[in-house]
Amino acid sequence: MRLNWLRLCNFRQHVETRIGFESGLTGIIGPNGAGKTTILEAIPWALYGMPAARGTRESIRSNRAGARAQVRVELDFELGGHRYRIARGLTNAELYLDGSPAPIANTISAVTDLVRRKLGMSLDEFYNTYFT
């Protein structure tokens, strides 16, 4: 799995953040409370949904956003010769394949199940493999 970019909208400390991942290592630096851990948390949240989040739906929404502001995380990655883009919110999710405008899955459970099958690992296995 190779990450291409990550976009966070009203996700914890991040009102609007986009990060491109180039080849090689990516360093994330900043002061305490700036949202470094949130960037790492957003990746499995995009892939696996609420079970990957600390806290509740209410605590995920940025406290700088309005009570009804949309929470959205988008993750673009390559896996097995294909390019995937996941767009996940608090109540919806879509998974796109190879730049298609139509999603190949468009419900929270369908996206999570398909990602789990494509990655070949559960959330716990993902944490123990990619976050070790």
C-alpha atoms as a PDB file:
ATOM      1  CA  MET A   1       0.000   0.000   0.000  1.00  0.00           C
ATOM      2  CA  ARG A   2       1.353   3.390  -0.991  1.00  0.00           C
ATOM      3  CA  LEU A   3      -0.322   6.542   0.270  1.00  0.00           C
ATOM      4  CA  ASN A   4      -0.668   9.369  -2.271  1.00  0.00           C
ATOM      5  CA  TRP A   5      -2.553  12.039  -0.343  1.00  0.00           C
ATOM      6  CA  LEU A   6      -4.796  12.631   2.649  1.00  0.00           C
ATOM      7  CA  ARG A   7      -7.382  15.368   3.105  1.00  0.00           C
ATOM      8  CA  LEU A   8      -9.057  16.216   6.413  1.00  0.00           C
ATOM      9  CA  CYS A   9     -12.073  18.499   6.698  1.00  0.00           C
ATOM     10  CA  ASN A  10     -13.313  19.389  10.210  1.00  0.00           C
ATOM     11  CA  PHE A  11     -11.579  16.299  11.599  1.00  0.00           C
ATOM     12  CA  ARG A  12     -10.407  17.033  15.164  1.00  0.00           C
ATOM     13  CA  GLN A  13      -7.855  19.880  15.048  1.00  0.00           C
ATOM     14  CA  HIS A  14      -7.856  20.018  11.249  1.00  0.00           C
ATOM     15  CA  VAL A  15     -10.445  22.330   9.700  1.00  0.00           C
ATOM     16  CA  GLU A  16      -8.957  21.934   6.201  1.00  0.00           C
ATOM     17  CA  THR A  17      -5.680  20.048   5.693  1.00  0.00           C
ATOM     18  CA  ARG A  18      -4.260  18.287   2.654  1.00  0.00           C
ATOM     19  CA  ILE A  19      -1.042  16.288   2.769  1.00  0.00           C
ATOM     20  CA  GLY A  20       0.705  14.808  -0.256  1.00  0.00           C
ATOM     21  CA  PHE A  21       2.956  11.832   0.383  1.00  0.00           C
ATOM     22  CA  GLU A  22       5.995  11.740  -1.878  1.00  0.00           C
ATOM     23  CA  SER A  23       8.311   8.770  -2.362  1.00  0.00           C
ATOM     24  CA  GLY A  24      10.476   8.062   0.669  1.00  0.00           C
ATOM     25  CA  LEU A  25       9.841   9.089   4.241  1.00  0.00           C
ATOM     26  CA  THR A  26       7.392  11.755   5.334  1.00  0.00           C
ATOM     27  CA  GLY A  27       8.056  13.586   8.592  1.00  0.00           C
ATOM     28  CA  ILE A  28       5.235  15.192  10.542  1.00  0.00           C
ATOM     29  CA  ILE A  29       6.458  17.785  13.023  1.00  0.00           C
ATOM     30  CA  GLY A  30       4.727  20.403  15.115  1.00  0.00           C
ATOM     31  CA  PRO A  31       4.010  21.503  18.673  1.00  0.00           C
ATOM     32  CA  ASN A  32       1.927  19.514  21.130  1.00  0.00           C
ATOM     33  CA  GLY A  33      -1.761  19.696  20.257  1.00  0.00           C
ATOM     34  CA  ALA A  34      -1.147  20.659  16.621  1.00  0.00           C
ATOM     35  CA  GLY A  35      -2.757  17.471  15.269  1.00  0.00           C
ATOM     36  CA  LYS A  36       0.168  15.188  14.405  1.00  0.00           C
ATOM     37  CA  THR A  37      -1.476  12.121  15.943  1.00  0.00           C
ATOM     38  CA  THR A  38      -4.765  13.117  14.325  1.00  0.00           C
ATOM     39  CA  ILE A  39      -3.133  12.803  10.899  1.00  0.00           C
ATOM     40  CA  LEU A  40      -2.087   9.256  11.754  1.00  0.00           C
ATOM     41  CA  GLU A  41      -5.541   8.495  13.185  1.00  0.00           C
ATOM     42  CA  ALA A  42      -7.279   9.770  10.039  1.00  0.00           C
ATOM     43  CA  ILE A  43      -5.689   7.069   7.878  1.00  0.00           C
ATOM     44  CA  PRO A  44      -7.273   4.045   9.606  1.00  0.00           C
ATOM     45  CA  TRP A  45     -10.480   6.066  10.175  1.00  0.00           C
ATOM     46  CA  ALA A  46     -10.768   6.519   6.402  1.00  0.00           C
ATOM     47  CA  LEU A  47     -10.116   2.815   5.872  1.00  0.00           C
ATOM     48  CA  TYR A  48     -12.116   1.265   8.735  1.00  0.00           C
ATOM     49  CA  GLY A  49     -14.485   3.932  10.048  1.00  0.00           C
ATOM     50  CA  MET A  50     -15.576   4.595  13.635  1.00  0.00           C
ATOM     51  CA  PRO A  51     -13.888   1.562  15.244  1.00  0.00           C
ATOM     52  CA  ALA A  52     -10.561   3.241  14.369  1.00  0.00           C
ATOM     53  CA  ALA A  53     -11.423   6.511  16.155  1.00  0.00           C
ATOM     54  CA  ARG A  54     -10.676   7.633  19.655  1.00  0.00           C
ATOM     55  CA  GLY A  55     -13.812   8.959  21.278  1.00  0.00           C
ATOM     56  CA  THR A  56     -17.230   9.520  19.767  1.00  0.00           C
ATOM     57  CA  ARG A  57     -18.711  11.027  16.616  1.00  0.00           C
ATOM     58  CA  GLU A  58     -19.146  14.312  18.474  1.00  0.00           C
ATOM     59  CA  SER A  59     -15.484  14.412  19.528  1.00  0.00           C
ATOM     60  CA  ILE A  60     -14.274  13.817  15.963  1.00  0.00           C
ATOM     61  CA  ARG A  61     -15.823  17.042  14.619  1.00  0.00           C
ATOM     62  CA  SER A  62     -13.445  19.977  14.978  1.00  0.00           C
ATOM     63  CA  ASN A  63     -14.414  22.262  17.842  1.00  0.00           C
ATOM     64  CA  ARG A  64     -13.753  25.176  15.456  1.00  0.00           C
ATOM     65  CA  ALA A  65     -16.454  23.899  13.098  1.00  0.00           C
ATOM     66  CA  GLY A  66     -20.163  24.466  13.462  1.00  0.00           C
ATOM     67  CA  ALA A  67     -22.345  21.806  15.053  1.00  0.00           C
ATOM     68  CA  ARG A  68     -23.650  20.734  11.641  1.00  0.00           C
ATOM     69  CA  ALA A  69     -20.391  21.153   9.715  1.00  0.00           C
ATOM     70  CA  GLN A  70     -19.476  18.219   7.512  1.00  0.00           C
ATOM     71  CA  VAL A  71     -16.668  15.958   8.749  1.00  0.00           C
ATOM     72  CA  ARG A  72     -14.809  14.327   5.891  1.00  0.00           C
ATOM     73  CA  VAL A  73     -11.572  12.426   5.424  1.00  0.00           C
ATOM     74  CA  GLU A  74     -10.348  11.450   1.973  1.00  0.00           C
ATOM     75  CA  LEU A  75      -7.492   9.024   1.433  1.00  0.00           C
ATOM     76  CA  ASP A  76      -5.936   8.273  -1.943  1.00  0.00           C
ATOM     77  CA  PHE A  77      -3.690   5.216  -2.126  1.00  0.00           C
ATOM     78  CA  GLU A  78      -2.315   2.556  -4.457  1.00  0.00           C
ATOM     79  CA  LEU A  79      -2.615  -1.156  -3.825  1.00  0.00           C
ATOM     80  CA  GLY A  80      -2.154  -4.170  -6.089  1.00  0.00           C
ATOM     81  CA  GLY A  81      -1.772  -2.147  -9.289  1.00  0.00           C
ATOM     82  CA  HIS A  82      -4.899  -0.072  -8.646  1.00  0.00           C
ATOM     83  CA  ARG A  83      -5.524   3.397  -7.287  1.00  0.00           C
ATOM     84  CA  TYR A  84      -8.237   3.837  -4.665  1.00  0.00           C
ATOM     85  CA  ARG A  85      -9.844   6.906  -3.136  1.00  0.00           C
ATOM     86  CA  ILE A  86     -11.931   6.667   0.003  1.00  0.00           C
ATOM     87  CA  ALA A  87     -14.151   9.545   1.089  1.00  0.00           C
ATOM     88  CA  ARG A  88     -15.617   8.977   4.554  1.00  0.00           C
ATOM     89  CA  GLY A  89     -17.844  11.158   6.696  1.00  0.00           C
ATOM     90  CA  LEU A  90     -19.669  10.543   9.949  1.00  0.00           C
ATOM     91  CA  THR A  91     -22.707   9.090   8.179  1.00  0.00           C
ATOM     92  CA  ASN A  92     -21.458   8.115   4.725  1.00  0.00           C
ATOM     93  CA  ALA A  93     -18.563   6.575   2.820  1.00  0.00           C
ATOM     94  CA  GLU A  94     -17.601   6.032  -0.812  1.00  0.00           C
ATOM     95  CA  LEU A  95     -14.796   4.023  -2.394  1.00  0.00           C
ATOM     96  CA  TYR A  96     -13.581   4.868  -5.910  1.00  0.00           C
ATOM     97  CA  LEU A  97     -11.343   2.752  -8.140  1.00  0.00           C
ATOM     98  CA  ASP A  98      -8.805   4.028 -10.668  1.00  0.00           C
ATOM     99  CA  GLY A  99     -10.260   7.528 -10.992  1.00  0.00           C
ATOM    100  CA  SER A 100     -13.777   6.428 -11.854  1.00  0.00           C
ATOM    101  CA  PRO A 101     -16.450   9.054 -11.100  1.00  0.00           C
ATOM    102  CA  ALA A 102     -18.811   6.330  -9.801  1.00  0.00           C
ATOM    103  CA  PRO A 103     -17.993   4.612  -6.502  1.00  0.00           C
ATOM    104  CA  ILE A 104     -17.526   0.841  -6.352  1.00  0.00           C
ATOM    105  CA  ALA A 105     -18.990   0.916  -2.818  1.00  0.00           C
ATOM    106  CA  ASN A 106     -21.132   3.656  -1.282  1.00  0.00           C
ATOM    107  CA  THR A 107     -22.227   2.682   2.227  1.00  0.00           C
ATOM    108  CA  ILE A 108     -20.224   2.716   5.434  1.00  0.00           C
ATOM    109  CA  SER A 109     -20.331  -1.061   5.855  1.00  0.00           C
ATOM    110  CA  ALA A 110     -19.716  -1.863   2.171  1.00  0.00           C
ATOM    111  CA  VAL A 111     -16.680   0.436   2.004  1.00  0.00           C
ATOM    112  CA  THR A 112     -15.227  -0.952   5.238  1.00  0.00           C
ATOM    113  CA  ASP A 113     -15.807  -4.577   4.179  1.00  0.00           C
ATOM    114  CA  LEU A 114     -14.298  -4.050   0.728  1.00  0.00           C
ATOM    115  CA  VAL A 115     -11.250  -2.241   2.137  1.00  0.00           C
ATOM    116  CA  ARG A 116     -10.754  -5.028   4.694  1.00  0.00           C
ATOM    117  CA  ARG A 117     -10.818  -7.620   1.898  1.00  0.00           C
ATOM    118  CA  LYS A 118      -8.523  -5.644  -0.413  1.00  0.00           C
ATOM    119  CA  LEU A 119      -5.974  -5.003   2.356  1.00  0.00           C
ATOM    120  CA  GLY A 120      -6.353  -8.558   3.633  1.00  0.00           C
ATOM    121  CA  MET A 121      -6.325  -7.444   7.248  1.00  0.00           C
ATOM    122  CA  SER A 122      -8.571  -6.370  10.087  1.00  0.00           C
ATOM    123  CA  LEU A 123      -8.230  -3.051  11.883  1.00  0.00           C
ATOM    124  CA  ASP A 124      -6.125  -4.692  14.621  1.00  0.00           C
ATOM    125  CA  GLU A 125      -3.863  -6.295  12.028  1.00  0.00           C
ATOM    126  CA  PHE A 126      -3.534  -2.944  10.253  1.00  0.00           C
ATOM    127  CA  TYR A 127      -2.471  -1.226  13.493  1.00  0.00           C
ATOM    128  CA  ASN A 128       0.016  -3.980  14.283  1.00  0.00           C
ATOM    129  CA  THR A 129       1.459  -3.979  10.755  1.00  0.00           C
ATOM    130  CA  TYR A 130       1.467  -0.377   9.541  1.00  0.00           C
ATOM    131  CA  PHE A 131       1.666   1.463  12.858  1.00  0.00           C
ATOM    132  CA  THR A 132       4.414  -0.599  14.465  1.00  0.00           C
END
